[in-house]
N, C-alpha and C. Protein backbone atom coordinates (compact mmCIF):
# COMPACT_ATOMS: atom_id res chain seq x y z
N MET A 1 -16.22 0.59 -2.14
CA MET A 1 -15.65 0.53 -0.79
C MET A 1 -16.82 0.53 0.18
N ASP A 2 -16.54 0.02 1.36
CA ASP A 2 -17.59 -0.01 2.46
C ASP A 2 -17.28 1.10 3.40
N ILE A 3 -18.18 1.34 4.35
CA ILE A 3 -18.04 2.45 5.30
C ILE A 3 -16.75 2.37 6.12
N GLY A 4 -16.44 1.17 6.54
CA GLY A 4 -15.20 0.92 7.27
C GLY A 4 -13.99 1.34 6.58
N ALA A 5 -13.83 0.95 5.33
CA ALA A 5 -12.71 1.37 4.53
C ALA A 5 -12.65 2.88 4.33
N ASN A 6 -13.85 3.43 4.15
CA ASN A 6 -13.99 4.87 3.97
C ASN A 6 -13.47 5.61 5.22
N ILE A 7 -13.91 5.07 6.41
CA ILE A 7 -13.51 5.72 7.69
C ILE A 7 -11.98 5.73 7.79
N ARG A 8 -11.42 4.52 7.53
CA ARG A 8 -9.97 4.38 7.64
C ARG A 8 -9.22 5.33 6.64
N ASN A 9 -9.70 5.39 5.38
CA ASN A 9 -8.99 6.18 4.37
C ASN A 9 -9.09 7.66 4.79
N LEU A 10 -10.29 8.10 5.15
CA LEU A 10 -10.50 9.51 5.52
C LEU A 10 -9.72 9.85 6.82
N ARG A 11 -9.71 8.97 7.72
CA ARG A 11 -8.93 9.23 8.99
C ARG A 11 -7.44 9.34 8.59
N LYS A 12 -6.92 8.52 7.76
CA LYS A 12 -5.54 8.59 7.37
C LYS A 12 -5.21 9.84 6.55
N GLU A 13 -6.19 10.29 5.67
CA GLU A 13 -6.04 11.48 4.96
C GLU A 13 -5.93 12.70 5.88
N ASN A 14 -6.67 12.63 6.93
CA ASN A 14 -6.71 13.71 7.94
C ASN A 14 -5.48 13.55 8.95
N LYS A 15 -4.68 12.53 8.72
CA LYS A 15 -3.54 12.24 9.58
C LYS A 15 -3.91 12.16 11.07
N LEU A 16 -4.97 11.36 11.28
CA LEU A 16 -5.40 11.09 12.63
C LEU A 16 -5.21 9.69 13.09
N THR A 17 -4.83 9.46 14.29
CA THR A 17 -4.73 8.06 14.77
C THR A 17 -6.16 7.68 15.30
N LEU A 18 -6.28 6.36 15.52
CA LEU A 18 -7.59 5.94 16.14
C LEU A 18 -7.84 6.61 17.38
N LYS A 19 -6.84 6.77 18.20
CA LYS A 19 -7.04 7.44 19.48
C LYS A 19 -7.47 8.90 19.33
N GLU A 20 -6.87 9.62 18.39
CA GLU A 20 -7.21 11.01 18.17
C GLU A 20 -8.67 11.15 17.68
N LEU A 21 -9.06 10.25 16.72
CA LEU A 21 -10.37 10.36 16.19
C LEU A 21 -11.39 9.96 17.35
N GLY A 22 -11.05 9.04 18.11
CA GLY A 22 -11.88 8.68 19.29
C GLY A 22 -12.05 9.84 20.23
N SER A 23 -11.02 10.55 20.51
CA SER A 23 -11.02 11.66 21.36
C SER A 23 -11.95 12.78 20.77
N ILE A 24 -11.82 13.03 19.54
CA ILE A 24 -12.67 14.06 18.89
C ILE A 24 -14.15 13.72 18.96
N THR A 25 -14.45 12.46 18.68
CA THR A 25 -15.75 12.05 18.51
C THR A 25 -16.50 11.54 19.76
N GLY A 26 -15.66 11.17 20.74
CA GLY A 26 -16.12 10.54 21.95
C GLY A 26 -16.51 9.05 21.80
N ILE A 27 -15.95 8.50 20.75
CA ILE A 27 -16.17 7.01 20.42
C ILE A 27 -14.87 6.32 20.76
N SER A 28 -15.03 5.17 21.38
CA SER A 28 -13.77 4.45 21.82
C SER A 28 -12.97 4.07 20.56
N GLU A 29 -11.63 4.08 20.90
CA GLU A 29 -10.68 3.58 19.84
C GLU A 29 -10.96 2.22 19.37
N GLN A 30 -11.38 1.33 20.24
CA GLN A 30 -11.72 -0.03 19.91
C GLN A 30 -12.96 -0.11 18.97
N ALA A 31 -13.92 0.70 19.20
CA ALA A 31 -15.14 0.75 18.38
C ALA A 31 -14.73 1.22 16.94
N ILE A 32 -13.96 2.30 16.87
CA ILE A 32 -13.58 2.81 15.55
C ILE A 32 -12.75 1.71 14.84
N SER A 33 -11.90 1.04 15.54
CA SER A 33 -11.05 0.01 14.93
C SER A 33 -12.04 -1.11 14.35
N GLN A 34 -13.02 -1.50 15.07
CA GLN A 34 -13.97 -2.47 14.66
C GLN A 34 -14.78 -2.00 13.44
N TYR A 35 -15.11 -0.71 13.35
CA TYR A 35 -15.85 -0.12 12.21
C TYR A 35 -14.90 -0.28 11.00
N GLU A 36 -13.69 0.17 11.17
CA GLU A 36 -12.70 0.18 10.01
C GLU A 36 -12.44 -1.24 9.54
N ARG A 37 -12.48 -2.20 10.37
CA ARG A 37 -12.24 -3.61 9.96
C ARG A 37 -13.48 -4.32 9.54
N GLY A 38 -14.63 -3.69 9.59
CA GLY A 38 -15.85 -4.28 9.11
C GLY A 38 -16.45 -5.22 10.12
N LEU A 39 -16.03 -5.21 11.35
CA LEU A 39 -16.57 -6.09 12.40
C LEU A 39 -17.86 -5.59 12.96
N ARG A 40 -18.06 -4.23 12.91
CA ARG A 40 -19.29 -3.56 13.31
C ARG A 40 -19.61 -2.47 12.30
N VAL A 41 -20.84 -2.08 12.32
CA VAL A 41 -21.30 -0.98 11.43
C VAL A 41 -21.81 0.14 12.38
N PRO A 42 -21.33 1.34 12.25
CA PRO A 42 -21.83 2.46 13.08
C PRO A 42 -23.26 2.76 12.78
N ASN A 43 -24.04 3.15 13.88
CA ASN A 43 -25.40 3.53 13.63
C ASN A 43 -25.33 4.96 13.01
N ALA A 44 -26.45 5.52 12.68
CA ALA A 44 -26.53 6.81 11.93
C ALA A 44 -25.87 7.90 12.82
N TYR A 45 -26.15 7.93 14.03
CA TYR A 45 -25.62 9.06 14.90
C TYR A 45 -24.12 8.94 14.97
N VAL A 46 -23.58 7.78 15.24
CA VAL A 46 -22.12 7.58 15.33
C VAL A 46 -21.49 7.89 14.03
N ALA A 47 -22.06 7.45 12.80
CA ALA A 47 -21.48 7.81 11.53
C ALA A 47 -21.51 9.27 11.31
N TYR A 48 -22.56 9.95 11.77
CA TYR A 48 -22.62 11.46 11.65
C TYR A 48 -21.48 12.08 12.46
N LYS A 49 -21.19 11.60 13.64
CA LYS A 49 -20.13 12.17 14.50
C LYS A 49 -18.76 11.94 13.81
N ILE A 50 -18.59 10.81 13.27
CA ILE A 50 -17.34 10.46 12.60
C ILE A 50 -17.16 11.32 11.37
N ALA A 51 -18.24 11.51 10.51
CA ALA A 51 -18.16 12.33 9.34
C ALA A 51 -17.83 13.71 9.71
N LYS A 52 -18.52 14.31 10.75
CA LYS A 52 -18.22 15.66 11.16
C LYS A 52 -16.78 15.81 11.56
N ALA A 53 -16.22 14.83 12.36
CA ALA A 53 -14.87 14.91 12.84
C ALA A 53 -13.86 14.88 11.62
N LEU A 54 -14.26 14.16 10.54
CA LEU A 54 -13.38 14.00 9.41
C LEU A 54 -13.67 15.06 8.35
N ASP A 55 -14.57 15.95 8.59
CA ASP A 55 -14.87 17.13 7.78
C ASP A 55 -15.44 16.65 6.38
N VAL A 56 -16.32 15.67 6.40
CA VAL A 56 -16.96 15.15 5.17
C VAL A 56 -18.47 15.08 5.44
N THR A 57 -19.24 14.98 4.36
CA THR A 57 -20.64 14.76 4.54
C THR A 57 -20.91 13.25 4.93
N LEU A 58 -22.04 13.03 5.50
CA LEU A 58 -22.43 11.65 5.86
C LEU A 58 -22.40 10.83 4.55
N GLU A 59 -22.96 11.39 3.51
CA GLU A 59 -23.01 10.76 2.21
C GLU A 59 -21.55 10.30 1.78
N GLU A 60 -20.66 11.19 1.88
CA GLU A 60 -19.28 10.87 1.46
C GLU A 60 -18.64 9.82 2.36
N LEU A 61 -18.96 9.79 3.66
CA LEU A 61 -18.46 8.81 4.57
C LEU A 61 -19.03 7.46 4.18
N ILE A 62 -20.26 7.41 3.83
CA ILE A 62 -20.95 6.15 3.50
C ILE A 62 -20.52 5.58 2.08
N THR A 63 -20.54 6.49 1.08
CA THR A 63 -20.32 6.10 -0.27
C THR A 63 -18.87 6.14 -0.70
N GLY A 64 -18.05 6.96 -0.07
CA GLY A 64 -16.70 7.21 -0.51
C GLY A 64 -16.68 8.24 -1.61
N TYR A 65 -17.73 8.82 -2.01
CA TYR A 65 -17.76 9.82 -3.09
C TYR A 65 -18.37 11.13 -2.51
N ASP A 66 -17.86 12.23 -3.00
CA ASP A 66 -18.55 13.47 -2.70
C ASP A 66 -19.69 13.63 -3.67
N ARG A 67 -20.57 14.56 -3.41
CA ARG A 67 -21.82 14.66 -4.17
C ARG A 67 -21.61 14.78 -5.70
N GLU A 68 -20.66 15.58 -6.05
CA GLU A 68 -20.40 15.87 -7.47
C GLU A 68 -19.94 14.56 -8.14
N THR A 69 -18.99 13.85 -7.51
CA THR A 69 -18.51 12.56 -8.08
C THR A 69 -19.63 11.53 -8.19
N ALA A 70 -20.48 11.52 -7.14
CA ALA A 70 -21.59 10.53 -7.14
C ALA A 70 -22.57 10.77 -8.30
N VAL A 71 -22.88 12.06 -8.48
CA VAL A 71 -23.86 12.39 -9.51
C VAL A 71 -23.23 12.14 -10.87
N THR A 72 -21.97 12.43 -11.08
CA THR A 72 -21.34 12.15 -12.31
C THR A 72 -21.32 10.66 -12.60
N THR A 73 -21.00 9.88 -11.60
CA THR A 73 -20.96 8.43 -11.78
C THR A 73 -22.34 7.85 -12.14
N ILE A 74 -23.39 8.37 -11.49
CA ILE A 74 -24.75 7.90 -11.75
C ILE A 74 -25.14 8.28 -13.19
N VAL A 75 -24.84 9.49 -13.62
CA VAL A 75 -25.22 9.90 -14.97
C VAL A 75 -24.48 9.05 -15.93
N ARG A 76 -23.20 8.75 -15.71
CA ARG A 76 -22.39 7.94 -16.65
C ARG A 76 -23.03 6.56 -16.77
N ASP A 77 -23.42 5.97 -15.59
CA ASP A 77 -23.99 4.66 -15.56
C ASP A 77 -25.30 4.57 -16.36
N ILE A 78 -26.15 5.66 -16.15
CA ILE A 78 -27.41 5.73 -16.82
C ILE A 78 -27.19 5.82 -18.31
N LYS A 79 -26.27 6.58 -18.77
CA LYS A 79 -25.98 6.76 -20.20
C LYS A 79 -25.50 5.45 -20.73
N SER A 80 -24.60 4.75 -20.05
CA SER A 80 -24.10 3.47 -20.49
C SER A 80 -25.19 2.41 -20.53
N TYR A 81 -26.13 2.44 -19.62
CA TYR A 81 -27.15 1.46 -19.64
C TYR A 81 -28.09 1.73 -20.76
N ARG A 82 -28.41 2.96 -21.07
CA ARG A 82 -29.27 3.22 -22.25
C ARG A 82 -28.65 2.77 -23.53
N VAL A 83 -27.35 2.99 -23.70
CA VAL A 83 -26.63 2.55 -24.87
C VAL A 83 -26.75 1.02 -24.93
N TYR A 84 -26.53 0.31 -23.88
CA TYR A 84 -26.65 -1.13 -23.79
C TYR A 84 -28.02 -1.56 -24.20
N GLU A 85 -29.04 -0.96 -23.68
CA GLU A 85 -30.41 -1.30 -24.06
C GLU A 85 -30.72 -1.07 -25.52
N LEU A 86 -30.19 0.02 -26.06
CA LEU A 86 -30.38 0.30 -27.49
C LEU A 86 -29.72 -0.74 -28.37
N LEU A 87 -28.51 -1.11 -27.97
CA LEU A 87 -27.79 -2.12 -28.74
C LEU A 87 -28.50 -3.48 -28.73
N ASN A 88 -29.05 -3.81 -27.58
CA ASN A 88 -29.82 -5.05 -27.43
C ASN A 88 -31.07 -5.05 -28.30
N GLU A 89 -31.73 -3.86 -28.25
CA GLU A 89 -32.96 -3.75 -29.10
C GLU A 89 -32.65 -3.88 -30.57
N LEU A 90 -31.60 -3.18 -31.03
CA LEU A 90 -31.20 -3.33 -32.44
C LEU A 90 -30.78 -4.77 -32.79
N LYS A 91 -30.14 -5.46 -31.84
CA LYS A 91 -29.76 -6.81 -32.09
C LYS A 91 -31.04 -7.72 -32.20
N ARG A 92 -31.98 -7.52 -31.28
CA ARG A 92 -33.24 -8.17 -31.27
C ARG A 92 -33.98 -8.05 -32.63
N ARG A 93 -33.88 -6.89 -33.16
CA ARG A 93 -34.59 -6.57 -34.47
C ARG A 93 -33.71 -7.04 -35.70
N GLY A 94 -32.60 -7.59 -35.42
CA GLY A 94 -31.72 -8.07 -36.48
C GLY A 94 -30.97 -7.10 -37.18
N ILE A 95 -30.78 -5.94 -36.59
CA ILE A 95 -29.96 -4.84 -37.19
C ILE A 95 -28.59 -4.87 -36.55
N THR A 96 -27.58 -4.97 -37.42
CA THR A 96 -26.21 -4.92 -36.94
C THR A 96 -25.58 -3.62 -37.25
N ILE A 97 -24.59 -3.27 -36.44
CA ILE A 97 -23.86 -2.00 -36.61
C ILE A 97 -22.44 -2.33 -37.03
């Protein structure tokens, strides 16, 4: 997911309208709508203000994952990649499983 979709999903999870989020952050309703639709990308300070208003970390706003989920996903991907490399090396050496 992209940051715009994450903003929209988190805003809806928090049961906030565009107007309410704008009021909390001091960002115009139109700007937030443009971020959510992918027409604009918020700068770091604006993203921080949105994350704070939505009670998430900046990392979660950007990635859509909380830290624990992100680490788990990365570890899983690394393990999968190592298995893939091992299988290719065995194949290259003519060893079948």
